[in-house]
Amino acid sequence: MGYEGADGIYYRYDETRGKNLSLTRQQYIMNRAADLSDSWLMAIGQPMSGGETGFVIPRPATITAITAKSQQVDGDDSEIYIRKNDITPINADNSLLTLQFNQTAANSGETIISGSLNIDMEEGDFLQAIAQQVVGSGVIQYPIITVEGAWRDE
């Protein structure tokens, strides 16, 4: 059974994640209209350059799902790191989530979907994404990432 929180948002206990989450979901979309290797993705048309920008989380939240799509992956495998707060160095260990994009044939993209995430973020955290080569010369073409989150009532 749901309830209205002190903030006016409706919540329900999510048994899978073991916490009270909002009934509505927020989506953060990051993309880049280019071939990427070792490059920040864009939020609302602006690169998250130098890791100093990203989507600021306005209240406690939980990442519940992610989707990713690329047009093609050239050369070698590549990864996109979903990160918060510009933690360095940039690698899988310092990321919330690592999306593995395997090399594909020409005009053959890769799709990643995970709808069972349970990653907490706090008010003031900021969400980022960066494409990285795994080895060699991996290039992700035209990636689009959608991160879905729910507000968390504590």
N, C-alpha and C. Protein backbone atom coordinates (compact mmCIF):
# COMPACT_ATOMS: atom_id res chain seq x y z
N MET A 1 0.84 -1.19 0.00
CA MET A 1 0.00 0.00 0.00
C MET A 1 0.88 1.24 0.00
N GLY A 2 0.55 2.20 -0.82
CA GLY A 2 1.34 3.41 -0.93
C GLY A 2 0.95 4.46 0.09
N TYR A 3 1.77 5.49 0.20
CA TYR A 3 1.51 6.60 1.11
C TYR A 3 2.15 7.87 0.55
N GLU A 4 1.66 9.00 1.03
CA GLU A 4 2.23 10.28 0.63
C GLU A 4 3.26 10.70 1.66
N GLY A 5 4.50 10.94 1.21
CA GLY A 5 5.57 11.36 2.11
C GLY A 5 5.44 12.82 2.49
N ALA A 6 6.25 13.24 3.44
CA ALA A 6 6.25 14.63 3.89
C ALA A 6 6.59 15.59 2.76
N ASP A 7 7.26 15.09 1.72
CA ASP A 7 7.64 15.93 0.58
C ASP A 7 6.57 15.98 -0.50
N GLY A 8 5.40 15.34 -0.26
CA GLY A 8 4.30 15.35 -1.21
C GLY A 8 4.43 14.32 -2.32
N ILE A 9 5.45 13.47 -2.25
CA ILE A 9 5.67 12.42 -3.24
C ILE A 9 5.06 11.12 -2.73
N TYR A 10 4.45 10.36 -3.62
CA TYR A 10 3.85 9.08 -3.24
C TYR A 10 4.89 7.97 -3.31
N TYR A 11 4.92 7.16 -2.24
CA TYR A 11 5.89 6.08 -2.10
C TYR A 11 5.19 4.75 -1.86
N ARG A 12 5.93 3.70 -2.10
CA ARG A 12 5.47 2.34 -1.80
C ARG A 12 6.70 1.52 -1.43
N TYR A 13 6.53 0.55 -0.54
CA TYR A 13 7.64 -0.31 -0.17
C TYR A 13 7.95 -1.24 -1.33
N ASP A 14 9.20 -1.23 -1.76
CA ASP A 14 9.67 -2.09 -2.85
C ASP A 14 10.31 -3.32 -2.21
N GLU A 15 9.62 -4.44 -2.27
CA GLU A 15 10.11 -5.65 -1.60
C GLU A 15 11.41 -6.16 -2.22
N THR A 16 11.58 -5.98 -3.51
CA THR A 16 12.80 -6.44 -4.17
C THR A 16 14.02 -5.69 -3.66
N ARG A 17 13.88 -4.38 -3.45
CA ARG A 17 15.01 -3.55 -3.04
C ARG A 17 15.03 -3.27 -1.55
N GLY A 18 13.96 -3.61 -0.84
CA GLY A 18 13.92 -3.47 0.61
C GLY A 18 13.88 -2.04 1.12
N LYS A 19 13.19 -1.16 0.40
CA LYS A 19 13.11 0.24 0.82
C LYS A 19 11.87 0.90 0.21
N ASN A 20 11.50 2.05 0.76
CA ASN A 20 10.36 2.81 0.24
C ASN A 20 10.82 3.67 -0.93
N LEU A 21 10.23 3.43 -2.11
CA LEU A 21 10.59 4.16 -3.32
C LEU A 21 9.36 4.85 -3.91
N SER A 22 9.60 5.95 -4.59
CA SER A 22 8.50 6.69 -5.20
C SER A 22 7.83 5.87 -6.29
N LEU A 23 6.55 6.14 -6.48
CA LEU A 23 5.81 5.47 -7.55
C LEU A 23 6.23 6.01 -8.91
N THR A 24 6.59 7.28 -8.97
CA THR A 24 7.07 7.87 -10.22
C THR A 24 8.57 7.63 -10.36
N ARG A 25 9.02 7.63 -11.59
CA ARG A 25 10.44 7.40 -11.87
C ARG A 25 11.01 8.61 -12.61
N GLN A 26 12.28 8.87 -12.39
CA GLN A 26 13.02 9.93 -13.06
C GLN A 26 14.00 9.28 -14.02
N GLN A 27 14.10 9.80 -15.23
CA GLN A 27 15.06 9.26 -16.20
C GLN A 27 16.12 10.30 -16.51
N TYR A 28 17.37 9.84 -16.50
CA TYR A 28 18.52 10.67 -16.85
C TYR A 28 19.08 10.10 -18.15
N ILE A 29 19.06 10.91 -19.20
CA ILE A 29 19.49 10.44 -20.52
C ILE A 29 20.82 11.10 -20.88
N MET A 30 21.77 10.26 -21.24
CA MET A 30 23.11 10.73 -21.63
C MET A 30 23.43 10.13 -22.99
N ASN A 31 24.01 10.93 -23.87
CA ASN A 31 24.35 10.43 -25.20
C ASN A 31 25.52 11.22 -25.76
N ARG A 32 25.91 10.84 -26.95
CA ARG A 32 26.93 11.59 -27.68
C ARG A 32 26.74 11.29 -29.15
N ALA A 33 26.58 12.32 -29.95
CA ALA A 33 26.38 12.16 -31.39
C ALA A 33 27.74 12.12 -32.07
N ALA A 34 28.50 11.08 -31.75
CA ALA A 34 29.85 10.95 -32.30
C ALA A 34 30.37 9.55 -32.00
N ASP A 35 31.53 9.25 -32.56
CA ASP A 35 32.26 8.04 -32.21
C ASP A 35 33.06 8.36 -30.95
N LEU A 36 32.99 7.49 -29.95
CA LEU A 36 33.62 7.79 -28.67
C LEU A 36 34.68 6.78 -28.28
N SER A 37 35.78 7.28 -27.78
CA SER A 37 36.74 6.49 -27.03
C SER A 37 37.37 7.44 -26.04
N ASP A 38 37.34 7.09 -24.78
CA ASP A 38 37.86 7.93 -23.70
C ASP A 38 37.23 9.32 -23.73
N SER A 39 35.90 9.37 -23.81
CA SER A 39 35.19 10.65 -23.89
C SER A 39 33.98 10.65 -22.98
N TRP A 40 33.68 11.82 -22.42
CA TRP A 40 32.49 12.00 -21.59
C TRP A 40 31.25 12.02 -22.46
N LEU A 41 30.16 11.42 -21.96
CA LEU A 41 28.89 11.53 -22.65
C LEU A 41 28.28 12.88 -22.32
N MET A 42 27.20 13.22 -23.01
CA MET A 42 26.59 14.52 -22.85
C MET A 42 25.28 14.42 -22.07
N ALA A 43 25.02 15.45 -21.29
CA ALA A 43 23.76 15.60 -20.58
C ALA A 43 23.11 16.86 -21.12
N ILE A 44 21.94 16.72 -21.71
CA ILE A 44 21.21 17.85 -22.26
C ILE A 44 22.07 18.66 -23.23
N GLY A 45 22.79 17.97 -24.09
CA GLY A 45 23.57 18.62 -25.13
C GLY A 45 24.90 19.20 -24.70
N GLN A 46 25.28 19.04 -23.44
CA GLN A 46 26.55 19.57 -22.96
C GLN A 46 27.44 18.44 -22.46
N PRO A 47 28.69 18.36 -22.93
CA PRO A 47 29.59 17.31 -22.44
C PRO A 47 29.84 17.46 -20.94
N MET A 48 29.98 16.33 -20.28
CA MET A 48 30.33 16.33 -18.87
C MET A 48 31.85 16.45 -18.77
N SER A 49 32.39 17.51 -19.33
CA SER A 49 33.83 17.65 -19.52
C SER A 49 34.58 17.66 -18.20
N GLY A 50 35.67 16.93 -18.21
CA GLY A 50 36.53 16.90 -17.04
C GLY A 50 35.89 16.27 -15.83
N GLY A 51 34.70 15.72 -15.99
CA GLY A 51 34.04 15.08 -14.87
C GLY A 51 33.48 16.03 -13.85
N GLU A 52 33.47 17.32 -14.14
CA GLU A 52 33.03 18.30 -13.15
C GLU A 52 31.54 18.57 -13.20
N THR A 53 30.84 18.00 -14.17
CA THR A 53 29.41 18.23 -14.29
C THR A 53 28.68 16.91 -14.36
N GLY A 54 27.38 16.98 -14.35
CA GLY A 54 26.54 15.80 -14.43
C GLY A 54 25.16 16.17 -13.92
N PHE A 55 24.29 15.18 -13.84
CA PHE A 55 22.95 15.41 -13.31
C PHE A 55 23.02 15.43 -11.79
N VAL A 56 22.60 16.54 -11.17
CA VAL A 56 22.60 16.64 -9.71
C VAL A 56 21.32 15.99 -9.18
N ILE A 57 21.47 15.14 -8.18
CA ILE A 57 20.35 14.42 -7.58
C ILE A 57 19.75 15.32 -6.48
N PRO A 58 18.46 15.72 -6.59
CA PRO A 58 17.90 16.69 -5.66
C PRO A 58 17.43 16.13 -4.32
N ARG A 59 17.32 14.81 -4.21
CA ARG A 59 16.87 14.18 -2.95
C ARG A 59 17.37 12.74 -2.97
N PRO A 60 17.33 12.03 -1.85
CA PRO A 60 17.79 10.64 -1.85
C PRO A 60 17.06 9.83 -2.93
N ALA A 61 17.83 9.04 -3.66
CA ALA A 61 17.28 8.28 -4.79
C ALA A 61 17.94 6.91 -4.87
N THR A 62 17.31 6.03 -5.63
CA THR A 62 17.85 4.71 -5.91
C THR A 62 17.77 4.47 -7.41
N ILE A 63 18.90 4.12 -8.02
CA ILE A 63 18.90 3.75 -9.44
C ILE A 63 18.28 2.36 -9.54
N THR A 64 17.21 2.26 -10.35
CA THR A 64 16.46 1.00 -10.45
C THR A 64 16.64 0.28 -11.77
N ALA A 65 17.06 1.00 -12.81
CA ALA A 65 17.19 0.37 -14.14
C ALA A 65 18.13 1.19 -15.01
N ILE A 66 18.64 0.55 -16.05
CA ILE A 66 19.48 1.23 -17.03
C ILE A 66 19.29 0.57 -18.38
N THR A 67 19.29 1.38 -19.43
CA THR A 67 19.33 0.84 -20.79
C THR A 67 20.45 1.54 -21.53
N ALA A 68 21.03 0.84 -22.47
CA ALA A 68 22.11 1.40 -23.27
C ALA A 68 22.01 0.85 -24.68
N LYS A 69 22.31 1.69 -25.64
CA LYS A 69 22.25 1.28 -27.04
C LYS A 69 23.35 2.01 -27.79
N SER A 70 24.01 1.29 -28.68
CA SER A 70 25.01 1.92 -29.55
C SER A 70 24.72 1.54 -30.98
N GLN A 71 25.19 2.38 -31.90
CA GLN A 71 25.01 2.06 -33.31
C GLN A 71 25.95 0.93 -33.71
N GLN A 72 27.16 0.97 -33.19
CA GLN A 72 28.18 0.01 -33.59
C GLN A 72 29.36 0.16 -32.64
N VAL A 73 30.13 -0.91 -32.44
CA VAL A 73 31.36 -0.85 -31.66
C VAL A 73 32.49 -1.30 -32.58
N ASP A 74 33.40 -0.37 -32.89
CA ASP A 74 34.51 -0.65 -33.81
C ASP A 74 35.78 -1.00 -33.06
N GLY A 75 36.69 -1.64 -33.76
CA GLY A 75 38.00 -1.95 -33.19
C GLY A 75 37.88 -3.01 -32.12
N ASP A 76 38.09 -2.62 -30.89
CA ASP A 76 38.05 -3.55 -29.76
C ASP A 76 36.86 -3.24 -28.86
N ASP A 77 36.65 -4.10 -27.86
CA ASP A 77 35.59 -3.89 -26.89
C ASP A 77 35.79 -2.55 -26.17
N SER A 78 34.68 -1.96 -25.75
CA SER A 78 34.72 -0.70 -25.01
C SER A 78 33.77 -0.80 -23.82
N GLU A 79 33.92 0.12 -22.89
CA GLU A 79 33.05 0.18 -21.73
C GLU A 79 32.53 1.60 -21.55
N ILE A 80 31.36 1.70 -20.94
CA ILE A 80 30.87 2.99 -20.47
C ILE A 80 30.70 2.85 -18.97
N TYR A 81 31.34 3.76 -18.24
CA TYR A 81 31.24 3.77 -16.78
C TYR A 81 30.16 4.75 -16.37
N ILE A 82 29.23 4.30 -15.54
CA ILE A 82 28.24 5.17 -14.91
C ILE A 82 28.85 5.53 -13.56
N ARG A 83 29.04 6.84 -13.33
CA ARG A 83 29.82 7.28 -12.18
C ARG A 83 29.06 8.33 -11.38
N LYS A 84 29.57 8.61 -10.19
CA LYS A 84 29.03 9.72 -9.43
C LYS A 84 30.16 10.53 -8.82
N ASN A 85 29.94 11.82 -8.74
CA ASN A 85 30.79 12.75 -7.99
C ASN A 85 32.24 12.82 -8.45
N ASP A 86 32.53 12.51 -9.69
CA ASP A 86 33.87 12.67 -10.25
C ASP A 86 34.95 11.96 -9.44
N ILE A 87 34.64 10.78 -8.92
CA ILE A 87 35.63 10.00 -8.18
C ILE A 87 36.72 9.55 -9.14
N THR A 88 37.98 9.71 -8.73
CA THR A 88 39.09 9.31 -9.59
C THR A 88 39.93 8.24 -8.91
N PRO A 89 40.71 7.48 -9.66
CA PRO A 89 40.83 7.50 -11.11
C PRO A 89 39.59 6.92 -11.79
N ILE A 90 39.47 7.19 -13.08
CA ILE A 90 38.33 6.69 -13.85
C ILE A 90 38.59 5.23 -14.19
N ASN A 91 37.87 4.34 -13.52
CA ASN A 91 37.98 2.91 -13.80
C ASN A 91 36.74 2.20 -13.26
N ALA A 92 36.65 0.92 -13.50
CA ALA A 92 35.48 0.15 -13.08
C ALA A 92 35.32 0.15 -11.56
N ASP A 93 36.42 0.12 -10.82
CA ASP A 93 36.34 0.08 -9.36
C ASP A 93 35.73 1.34 -8.77
N ASN A 94 35.87 2.47 -9.44
CA ASN A 94 35.33 3.74 -8.95
C ASN A 94 34.03 4.13 -9.64
N SER A 95 33.35 3.17 -10.21
CA SER A 95 32.10 3.44 -10.93
C SER A 95 30.93 2.75 -10.25
N LEU A 96 29.75 3.34 -10.39
CA LEU A 96 28.53 2.70 -9.89
C LEU A 96 28.22 1.44 -10.69
N LEU A 97 28.52 1.51 -11.98
CA LEU A 97 28.14 0.44 -12.90
C LEU A 97 29.03 0.51 -14.13
N THR A 98 29.41 -0.65 -14.65
CA THR A 98 30.20 -0.71 -15.88
C THR A 98 29.38 -1.42 -16.95
N LEU A 99 29.19 -0.76 -18.09
CA LEU A 99 28.48 -1.34 -19.22
C LEU A 99 29.50 -1.82 -20.23
N GLN A 100 29.50 -3.11 -20.51
CA GLN A 100 30.46 -3.70 -21.45
C GLN A 100 29.86 -3.73 -22.84
N PHE A 101 30.52 -3.07 -23.79
CA PHE A 101 30.10 -3.09 -25.19
C PHE A 101 31.11 -3.91 -25.96
N ASN A 102 30.68 -5.06 -26.47
CA ASN A 102 31.56 -5.92 -27.24
C ASN A 102 31.61 -5.47 -28.69
N GLN A 103 32.74 -5.75 -29.33
CA GLN A 103 32.90 -5.38 -30.73
C GLN A 103 31.77 -5.99 -31.55
N THR A 104 31.21 -5.20 -32.47
CA THR A 104 30.11 -5.67 -33.31
C THR A 104 30.51 -5.56 -34.78
N ALA A 105 29.73 -6.20 -35.61
CA ALA A 105 29.93 -6.08 -37.06
C ALA A 105 29.44 -4.71 -37.52
N ALA A 106 29.78 -4.34 -38.71
CA ALA A 106 29.34 -3.06 -39.26
C ALA A 106 27.82 -2.95 -39.22
N ASN A 107 27.34 -1.78 -38.83
CA ASN A 107 25.90 -1.50 -38.76
C ASN A 107 25.15 -2.47 -37.86
N SER A 108 25.82 -2.92 -36.81
CA SER A 108 25.20 -3.83 -35.86
C SER A 108 25.48 -3.31 -34.46
N GLY A 109 24.49 -2.74 -33.82
CA GLY A 109 24.67 -2.15 -32.51
C GLY A 109 24.52 -3.16 -31.39
N GLU A 110 24.79 -2.68 -30.19
CA GLU A 110 24.63 -3.51 -29.00
C GLU A 110 23.61 -2.86 -28.10
N THR A 111 22.79 -3.69 -27.44
CA THR A 111 21.78 -3.21 -26.51
C THR A 111 22.01 -3.85 -25.15
N ILE A 112 21.95 -3.04 -24.10
CA ILE A 112 22.10 -3.53 -22.73
C ILE A 112 20.88 -3.06 -21.95
N ILE A 113 20.25 -3.98 -21.21
CA ILE A 113 19.09 -3.64 -20.39
C ILE A 113 19.25 -4.32 -19.03
N SER A 114 19.08 -3.56 -17.96
CA SER A 114 19.06 -4.13 -16.62
C SER A 114 17.98 -3.41 -15.83
N GLY A 115 16.94 -4.13 -15.47
CA GLY A 115 15.82 -3.53 -14.75
C GLY A 115 15.77 -3.88 -13.28
N SER A 116 16.84 -4.44 -12.74
CA SER A 116 16.80 -4.89 -11.35
C SER A 116 17.92 -4.27 -10.51
N LEU A 117 18.28 -3.03 -10.80
CA LEU A 117 19.36 -2.38 -10.06
C LEU A 117 18.87 -1.86 -8.72
N ASN A 118 19.81 -1.68 -7.80
CA ASN A 118 19.51 -1.19 -6.45
C ASN A 118 20.73 -0.39 -5.98
N ILE A 119 20.96 0.77 -6.60
CA ILE A 119 22.14 1.59 -6.32
C ILE A 119 21.69 2.92 -5.73
N ASP A 120 22.04 3.17 -4.47
CA ASP A 120 21.61 4.39 -3.80
C ASP A 120 22.50 5.57 -4.16
N MET A 121 21.84 6.72 -4.28
CA MET A 121 22.52 8.01 -4.43
C MET A 121 21.90 8.97 -3.42
N GLU A 122 22.68 9.93 -3.00
CA GLU A 122 22.22 10.87 -1.98
C GLU A 122 21.99 12.25 -2.57
N GLU A 123 21.25 13.07 -1.85
CA GLU A 123 21.02 14.45 -2.27
C GLU A 123 22.36 15.14 -2.50
N GLY A 124 22.50 15.80 -3.65
CA GLY A 124 23.73 16.51 -3.97
C GLY A 124 24.73 15.70 -4.78
N ASP A 125 24.58 14.37 -4.82
CA ASP A 125 25.44 13.56 -5.70
C ASP A 125 25.19 13.97 -7.14
N PHE A 126 26.17 13.78 -8.01
CA PHE A 126 25.91 14.00 -9.43
C PHE A 126 26.30 12.79 -10.24
N LEU A 127 25.49 12.51 -11.25
CA LEU A 127 25.56 11.31 -12.08
C LEU A 127 26.26 11.64 -13.39
N GLN A 128 27.19 10.76 -13.80
CA GLN A 128 28.00 11.00 -15.00
C GLN A 128 28.16 9.70 -15.79
N ALA A 129 28.62 9.82 -17.03
CA ALA A 129 28.96 8.65 -17.84
C ALA A 129 30.15 8.99 -18.73
N ILE A 130 31.06 8.03 -18.87
CA ILE A 130 32.23 8.21 -19.73
C ILE A 130 32.51 6.91 -20.47
N ALA A 131 32.83 7.03 -21.76
CA ALA A 131 33.21 5.87 -22.57
C ALA A 131 34.71 5.67 -22.45
N GLN A 132 35.14 4.41 -22.30
CA GLN A 132 36.55 4.08 -22.17
C GLN A 132 36.90 2.88 -23.03
N GLN A 133 38.08 2.89 -23.60
CA GLN A 133 38.58 1.73 -24.32
C GLN A 133 38.99 0.67 -23.30
N VAL A 134 38.68 -0.59 -23.59
CA VAL A 134 39.14 -1.67 -22.73
C VAL A 134 40.59 -1.97 -23.08
N VAL A 135 40.85 -2.23 -24.32
CA VAL A 135 42.21 -2.41 -24.86
C VAL A 135 42.20 -1.87 -26.28
N GLY A 136 43.35 -1.57 -26.80
CA GLY A 136 43.45 -1.21 -28.21
C GLY A 136 42.69 0.04 -28.56
N SER A 137 41.88 -0.07 -29.61
CA SER A 137 41.25 1.11 -30.19
C SER A 137 39.73 0.98 -30.26
N GLY A 138 39.11 0.58 -29.16
CA GLY A 138 37.66 0.45 -29.14
C GLY A 138 36.97 1.79 -29.28
N VAL A 139 35.95 1.84 -30.12
CA VAL A 139 35.18 3.06 -30.36
C VAL A 139 33.70 2.71 -30.33
N ILE A 140 32.95 3.37 -29.48
CA ILE A 140 31.50 3.21 -29.42
C ILE A 140 30.88 4.30 -30.28
N GLN A 141 30.03 3.91 -31.22
CA GLN A 141 29.40 4.89 -32.09
C GLN A 141 28.01 5.25 -31.57
N TYR A 142 27.80 6.54 -31.36
CA TYR A 142 26.50 7.12 -31.02
C TYR A 142 25.80 6.41 -29.85
N PRO A 143 26.42 6.35 -28.68
CA PRO A 143 25.77 5.69 -27.55
C PRO A 143 24.65 6.54 -26.95
N ILE A 144 23.62 5.87 -26.47
CA ILE A 144 22.54 6.49 -25.72
C ILE A 144 22.35 5.67 -24.45
N ILE A 145 22.41 6.33 -23.30
CA ILE A 145 22.26 5.67 -22.01
C ILE A 145 21.07 6.31 -21.31
N THR A 146 20.18 5.50 -20.76
CA THR A 146 19.08 6.00 -19.94
C THR A 146 19.19 5.35 -18.57
N VAL A 147 19.34 6.18 -17.54
CA VAL A 147 19.41 5.71 -16.16
C VAL A 147 18.08 6.08 -15.51
N GLU A 148 17.40 5.08 -14.94
CA GLU A 148 16.11 5.33 -14.28
C GLU A 148 16.30 5.26 -12.77
N GLY A 149 15.71 6.22 -12.09
CA GLY A 149 15.80 6.25 -10.64
C GLY A 149 14.46 6.54 -10.01
N ALA A 150 14.35 6.15 -8.74
CA ALA A 150 13.16 6.45 -7.94
C ALA A 150 13.62 7.23 -6.71
N TRP A 151 12.79 8.14 -6.25
CA TRP A 151 13.11 8.85 -5.02
C TRP A 151 12.97 7.88 -3.86
N ARG A 152 13.78 8.06 -2.85
CA ARG A 152 13.80 7.15 -1.70
C ARG A 152 13.35 7.90 -0.45
N ASP A 153 12.39 7.35 0.27
CA ASP A 153 11.91 7.95 1.52
C ASP A 153 12.61 7.24 2.66
N GLU A 154 13.32 8.00 3.47
CA GLU A 154 14.12 7.36 4.52
C GLU A 154 13.49 7.49 5.87
